[in-house]
Amino acid sequence: MTPPMDEDRRVFTALAQAARAGRRVALATVVHARGSTPRGVGSKLLWDPVAGLVGTVGGGCGEAAVLEAAREVVATGRPRRVRVELTEALEAWSPAVCGGVFEVWIEPR
């Protein structure tokens, strides 16, 4: 696993590269976490339509929901808050459910 500071550095380096190239990207940051979640508050993911993903907010179905919202943020230029529930309702089909809830703020950059 990449240490958090190294991962943050990768995210911000990719953000700077996108800015220099004049590309709109989406920066997603975990702003709230309750219970058992794959990543904590402050974890970041950058989605660049050209360069792809850098960083993570936890992987799996939660990250897929965040990525879908990030695409919308890039397309519209409007920020969004996404709530991801990793609760019992998912246990029936996913053995990797953590049981917590986290919220991610996604902003265009």
N, C-alpha and C. Protein backbone atom coordinates (compact mmCIF):
# COMPACT_ATOMS: atom_id res chain seq x y z
N MET A 1 0.84 -1.18 0.00
CA MET A 1 0.00 0.00 0.00
C MET A 1 0.89 1.25 0.00
N THR A 2 0.52 2.24 -0.79
CA THR A 2 1.28 3.49 -0.86
C THR A 2 1.04 4.31 0.40
N PRO A 3 2.11 4.81 1.05
CA PRO A 3 1.92 5.67 2.22
C PRO A 3 1.08 6.90 1.86
N PRO A 4 0.22 7.38 2.77
CA PRO A 4 -0.68 8.50 2.46
C PRO A 4 0.02 9.74 1.91
N MET A 5 1.16 10.12 2.45
CA MET A 5 1.84 11.33 1.96
C MET A 5 2.30 11.15 0.52
N ASP A 6 2.80 9.96 0.17
CA ASP A 6 3.22 9.70 -1.20
C ASP A 6 2.02 9.71 -2.14
N GLU A 7 0.91 9.15 -1.68
CA GLU A 7 -0.29 9.14 -2.50
C GLU A 7 -0.80 10.57 -2.72
N ASP A 8 -0.82 11.38 -1.67
CA ASP A 8 -1.24 12.78 -1.81
C ASP A 8 -0.33 13.50 -2.80
N ARG A 9 0.95 13.24 -2.73
CA ARG A 9 1.90 13.87 -3.64
C ARG A 9 1.59 13.49 -5.09
N ARG A 10 1.27 12.22 -5.31
CA ARG A 10 0.91 11.77 -6.66
C ARG A 10 -0.36 12.46 -7.16
N VAL A 11 -1.35 12.60 -6.28
CA VAL A 11 -2.60 13.26 -6.65
C VAL A 11 -2.34 14.72 -7.01
N PHE A 12 -1.59 15.43 -6.18
CA PHE A 12 -1.37 16.85 -6.44
C PHE A 12 -0.44 17.08 -7.63
N THR A 13 0.48 16.17 -7.87
CA THR A 13 1.32 16.26 -9.07
C THR A 13 0.46 16.10 -10.32
N ALA A 14 -0.43 15.12 -10.31
CA ALA A 14 -1.33 14.90 -11.45
C ALA A 14 -2.27 16.09 -11.63
N LEU A 15 -2.72 16.67 -10.54
CA LEU A 15 -3.58 17.86 -10.60
C LEU A 15 -2.84 19.02 -11.26
N ALA A 16 -1.58 19.23 -10.88
CA ALA A 16 -0.78 20.29 -11.47
C ALA A 16 -0.55 20.05 -12.96
N GLN A 17 -0.30 18.80 -13.33
CA GLN A 17 -0.09 18.48 -14.75
C GLN A 17 -1.35 18.76 -15.56
N ALA A 18 -2.51 18.40 -15.03
CA ALA A 18 -3.77 18.67 -15.73
C ALA A 18 -4.00 20.17 -15.87
N ALA A 19 -3.68 20.92 -14.82
CA ALA A 19 -3.85 22.37 -14.87
C ALA A 19 -2.95 22.99 -15.94
N ARG A 20 -1.70 22.54 -15.99
CA ARG A 20 -0.78 23.05 -17.01
C ARG A 20 -1.27 22.74 -18.42
N ALA A 21 -1.93 21.60 -18.57
CA ALA A 21 -2.44 21.18 -19.88
C ALA A 21 -3.81 21.81 -20.20
N GLY A 22 -4.39 22.48 -19.20
CA GLY A 22 -5.69 23.12 -19.40
C GLY A 22 -6.87 22.16 -19.39
N ARG A 23 -6.70 21.00 -18.74
CA ARG A 23 -7.77 20.01 -18.66
C ARG A 23 -8.58 20.18 -17.39
N ARG A 24 -9.89 20.01 -17.51
CA ARG A 24 -10.75 19.99 -16.33
C ARG A 24 -10.71 18.58 -15.76
N VAL A 25 -10.53 18.48 -14.46
CA VAL A 25 -10.50 17.20 -13.76
C VAL A 25 -11.42 17.28 -12.55
N ALA A 26 -11.62 16.15 -11.88
CA ALA A 26 -12.41 16.12 -10.65
C ALA A 26 -11.53 15.63 -9.52
N LEU A 27 -11.55 16.38 -8.42
CA LEU A 27 -10.81 16.01 -7.22
C LEU A 27 -11.82 15.57 -6.17
N ALA A 28 -11.70 14.32 -5.74
CA ALA A 28 -12.62 13.75 -4.74
C ALA A 28 -11.87 13.57 -3.43
N THR A 29 -12.49 14.02 -2.33
CA THR A 29 -11.88 13.94 -1.01
C THR A 29 -12.88 13.36 -0.02
N VAL A 30 -12.46 12.35 0.74
CA VAL A 30 -13.32 11.81 1.80
C VAL A 30 -13.42 12.89 2.89
N VAL A 31 -14.66 13.33 3.17
CA VAL A 31 -14.86 14.40 4.14
C VAL A 31 -15.53 13.91 5.43
N HIS A 32 -16.05 12.69 5.40
CA HIS A 32 -16.68 12.13 6.59
C HIS A 32 -16.61 10.61 6.50
N ALA A 33 -16.29 9.98 7.61
CA ALA A 33 -16.27 8.52 7.65
C ALA A 33 -16.80 8.08 9.02
N ARG A 34 -17.70 7.10 8.98
CA ARG A 34 -18.27 6.57 10.23
C ARG A 34 -18.27 5.05 10.14
N GLY A 35 -17.85 4.41 11.18
CA GLY A 35 -17.78 2.96 11.18
C GLY A 35 -16.53 2.50 10.45
N SER A 36 -16.57 1.29 10.00
CA SER A 36 -15.42 0.71 9.30
C SER A 36 -15.50 1.08 7.81
N THR A 37 -14.53 1.85 7.36
CA THR A 37 -14.46 2.27 5.96
C THR A 37 -13.08 1.95 5.42
N PRO A 38 -12.96 1.76 4.10
CA PRO A 38 -11.66 1.38 3.55
C PRO A 38 -10.61 2.48 3.63
N ARG A 39 -11.02 3.74 3.64
CA ARG A 39 -10.09 4.86 3.72
C ARG A 39 -10.66 5.90 4.67
N GLY A 40 -9.78 6.72 5.22
CA GLY A 40 -10.21 7.72 6.18
C GLY A 40 -10.42 9.10 5.58
N VAL A 41 -10.86 10.01 6.44
CA VAL A 41 -11.06 11.40 6.05
C VAL A 41 -9.75 11.96 5.49
N GLY A 42 -9.86 12.67 4.39
CA GLY A 42 -8.69 13.27 3.75
C GLY A 42 -8.17 12.46 2.57
N SER A 43 -8.58 11.21 2.45
CA SER A 43 -8.15 10.39 1.31
C SER A 43 -8.65 11.04 0.03
N LYS A 44 -7.81 10.97 -1.01
CA LYS A 44 -8.12 11.67 -2.25
C LYS A 44 -8.03 10.78 -3.46
N LEU A 45 -8.83 11.15 -4.47
CA LEU A 45 -8.81 10.51 -5.78
C LEU A 45 -8.94 11.63 -6.80
N LEU A 46 -8.14 11.58 -7.82
CA LEU A 46 -8.24 12.54 -8.92
C LEU A 46 -8.66 11.78 -10.16
N TRP A 47 -9.69 12.26 -10.84
CA TRP A 47 -10.08 11.67 -12.11
C TRP A 47 -9.82 12.67 -13.21
N ASP A 48 -8.97 12.27 -14.14
CA ASP A 48 -8.60 13.07 -15.30
C ASP A 48 -9.08 12.30 -16.52
N PRO A 49 -9.97 12.89 -17.33
CA PRO A 49 -10.50 12.17 -18.48
C PRO A 49 -9.43 11.68 -19.46
N VAL A 50 -8.27 12.32 -19.45
CA VAL A 50 -7.19 11.92 -20.35
C VAL A 50 -6.22 10.96 -19.68
N ALA A 51 -5.78 11.30 -18.47
CA ALA A 51 -4.74 10.52 -17.79
C ALA A 51 -5.30 9.41 -16.89
N GLY A 52 -6.59 9.42 -16.57
CA GLY A 52 -7.18 8.38 -15.74
C GLY A 52 -7.22 8.71 -14.26
N LEU A 53 -7.19 7.68 -13.43
CA LEU A 53 -7.31 7.82 -11.98
C LEU A 53 -5.96 7.89 -11.29
N VAL A 54 -5.90 8.72 -10.26
CA VAL A 54 -4.73 8.76 -9.38
C VAL A 54 -5.29 8.82 -7.96
N GLY A 55 -4.76 7.99 -7.07
CA GLY A 55 -5.24 7.95 -5.69
C GLY A 55 -6.44 7.03 -5.56
N THR A 56 -7.02 7.02 -4.35
CA THR A 56 -8.18 6.16 -4.10
C THR A 56 -8.97 6.68 -2.91
N VAL A 57 -10.27 6.42 -2.95
CA VAL A 57 -11.12 6.68 -1.80
C VAL A 57 -11.61 5.37 -1.21
N GLY A 58 -11.07 4.25 -1.71
CA GLY A 58 -11.38 2.97 -1.09
C GLY A 58 -11.57 1.79 -2.01
N GLY A 59 -11.72 2.01 -3.28
CA GLY A 59 -11.88 0.89 -4.20
C GLY A 59 -13.29 0.34 -4.21
N GLY A 60 -13.49 -0.70 -4.99
CA GLY A 60 -14.75 -1.42 -5.04
C GLY A 60 -15.93 -0.61 -5.50
N CYS A 61 -17.12 -1.03 -5.04
CA CYS A 61 -18.35 -0.40 -5.48
C CYS A 61 -18.46 1.05 -5.01
N GLY A 62 -17.90 1.36 -3.85
CA GLY A 62 -17.92 2.74 -3.36
C GLY A 62 -17.14 3.67 -4.27
N GLU A 63 -15.95 3.23 -4.66
CA GLU A 63 -15.14 4.05 -5.54
C GLU A 63 -15.78 4.15 -6.93
N ALA A 64 -16.45 3.11 -7.36
CA ALA A 64 -17.15 3.15 -8.65
C ALA A 64 -18.23 4.23 -8.64
N ALA A 65 -18.95 4.35 -7.53
CA ALA A 65 -19.98 5.40 -7.41
C ALA A 65 -19.35 6.78 -7.43
N VAL A 66 -18.22 6.92 -6.76
CA VAL A 66 -17.51 8.20 -6.74
C VAL A 66 -17.00 8.54 -8.14
N LEU A 67 -16.47 7.57 -8.85
CA LEU A 67 -15.97 7.79 -10.20
C LEU A 67 -17.10 8.23 -11.14
N GLU A 68 -18.25 7.60 -11.02
CA GLU A 68 -19.40 7.99 -11.84
C GLU A 68 -19.77 9.45 -11.57
N ALA A 69 -19.80 9.84 -10.31
CA ALA A 69 -20.12 11.22 -9.95
C ALA A 69 -19.01 12.17 -10.42
N ALA A 70 -17.75 11.74 -10.37
CA ALA A 70 -16.64 12.57 -10.82
C ALA A 70 -16.77 12.88 -12.31
N ARG A 71 -17.19 11.92 -13.07
CA ARG A 71 -17.41 12.15 -14.52
C ARG A 71 -18.47 13.23 -14.72
N GLU A 72 -19.53 13.17 -13.92
CA GLU A 72 -20.59 14.17 -14.00
C GLU A 72 -20.06 15.56 -13.60
N VAL A 73 -19.24 15.60 -12.57
CA VAL A 73 -18.66 16.87 -12.12
C VAL A 73 -17.80 17.50 -13.22
N VAL A 74 -17.00 16.68 -13.89
CA VAL A 74 -16.18 17.20 -14.99
C VAL A 74 -17.08 17.72 -16.11
N ALA A 75 -18.13 16.98 -16.44
CA ALA A 75 -19.02 17.36 -17.54
C ALA A 75 -19.80 18.64 -17.24
N THR A 76 -20.25 18.80 -15.99
CA THR A 76 -21.11 19.94 -15.65
C THR A 76 -20.36 21.12 -15.04
N GLY A 77 -19.20 20.83 -14.44
CA GLY A 77 -18.47 21.89 -13.73
C GLY A 77 -19.06 22.19 -12.36
N ARG A 78 -20.01 21.37 -11.90
CA ARG A 78 -20.64 21.59 -10.59
C ARG A 78 -20.16 20.55 -9.58
N PRO A 79 -19.78 20.98 -8.38
CA PRO A 79 -19.34 20.03 -7.36
C PRO A 79 -20.50 19.18 -6.86
N ARG A 80 -20.17 18.07 -6.23
CA ARG A 80 -21.16 17.13 -5.69
C ARG A 80 -20.64 16.49 -4.43
N ARG A 81 -21.56 16.11 -3.59
CA ARG A 81 -21.24 15.30 -2.40
C ARG A 81 -21.87 13.94 -2.61
N VAL A 82 -21.09 12.89 -2.38
CA VAL A 82 -21.58 11.52 -2.59
C VAL A 82 -21.48 10.77 -1.26
N ARG A 83 -22.55 10.08 -0.91
CA ARG A 83 -22.58 9.26 0.30
C ARG A 83 -22.50 7.80 -0.13
N VAL A 84 -21.55 7.07 0.46
CA VAL A 84 -21.36 5.67 0.14
C VAL A 84 -21.64 4.86 1.41
N GLU A 85 -22.60 3.95 1.31
CA GLU A 85 -22.95 3.10 2.46
C GLU A 85 -22.44 1.69 2.21
N LEU A 86 -21.60 1.24 3.08
CA LEU A 86 -21.04 -0.12 3.01
C LEU A 86 -21.64 -0.92 4.15
N THR A 87 -22.93 -1.12 4.06
CA THR A 87 -23.69 -1.68 5.19
C THR A 87 -24.20 -3.08 4.89
N GLU A 88 -24.96 -3.59 5.84
CA GLU A 88 -25.47 -4.96 5.76
C GLU A 88 -26.22 -5.26 4.48
N ALA A 89 -26.89 -4.30 3.91
CA ALA A 89 -27.68 -4.54 2.70
C ALA A 89 -26.79 -5.07 1.58
N LEU A 90 -25.53 -4.72 1.59
CA LEU A 90 -24.62 -5.17 0.55
C LEU A 90 -24.00 -6.54 0.85
N GLU A 91 -24.08 -6.98 2.10
CA GLU A 91 -23.40 -8.22 2.50
C GLU A 91 -23.86 -9.44 1.71
N ALA A 92 -25.07 -9.39 1.22
CA ALA A 92 -25.60 -10.54 0.50
C ALA A 92 -24.81 -10.83 -0.77
N TRP A 93 -24.24 -9.81 -1.38
CA TRP A 93 -23.54 -10.05 -2.65
C TRP A 93 -22.07 -9.68 -2.63
N SER A 94 -21.58 -9.14 -1.55
CA SER A 94 -20.17 -8.74 -1.51
C SER A 94 -19.50 -9.16 -0.21
N PRO A 95 -18.51 -10.03 -0.28
CA PRO A 95 -17.82 -10.46 0.94
C PRO A 95 -16.87 -9.39 1.49
N ALA A 96 -16.68 -8.30 0.75
CA ALA A 96 -15.71 -7.28 1.15
C ALA A 96 -16.36 -6.06 1.79
N VAL A 97 -17.58 -6.17 2.27
CA VAL A 97 -18.29 -5.04 2.85
C VAL A 97 -17.67 -4.68 4.19
N CYS A 98 -17.37 -3.40 4.38
CA CYS A 98 -16.74 -2.92 5.61
C CYS A 98 -17.75 -2.65 6.71
N GLY A 99 -18.93 -2.18 6.37
CA GLY A 99 -19.95 -1.90 7.36
C GLY A 99 -20.10 -0.44 7.72
N GLY A 100 -19.28 0.45 7.17
CA GLY A 100 -19.35 1.86 7.51
C GLY A 100 -20.02 2.69 6.43
N VAL A 101 -19.96 4.00 6.66
CA VAL A 101 -20.50 4.98 5.73
C VAL A 101 -19.45 6.06 5.57
N PHE A 102 -19.24 6.49 4.31
CA PHE A 102 -18.36 7.63 4.11
C PHE A 102 -18.94 8.58 3.08
N GLU A 103 -18.54 9.85 3.20
CA GLU A 103 -19.00 10.87 2.27
C GLU A 103 -17.80 11.50 1.60
N VAL A 104 -17.99 11.78 0.31
CA VAL A 104 -16.90 12.31 -0.52
C VAL A 104 -17.36 13.60 -1.18
N TRP A 105 -16.54 14.64 -1.08
CA TRP A 105 -16.79 15.90 -1.77
C TRP A 105 -16.00 15.84 -3.07
N ILE A 106 -16.70 16.08 -4.18
CA ILE A 106 -16.06 16.03 -5.50
C ILE A 106 -16.18 17.41 -6.12
N GLU A 107 -15.04 17.97 -6.48
CA GLU A 107 -15.04 19.33 -7.05
C GLU A 107 -14.29 19.37 -8.38
N PRO A 108 -14.79 20.21 -9.29
CA PRO A 108 -14.07 20.39 -10.55
C PRO A 108 -12.84 21.25 -10.31
N ARG A 109 -11.78 20.95 -11.01
CA ARG A 109 -10.55 21.76 -10.90
C ARG A 109 -10.04 22.04 -12.27
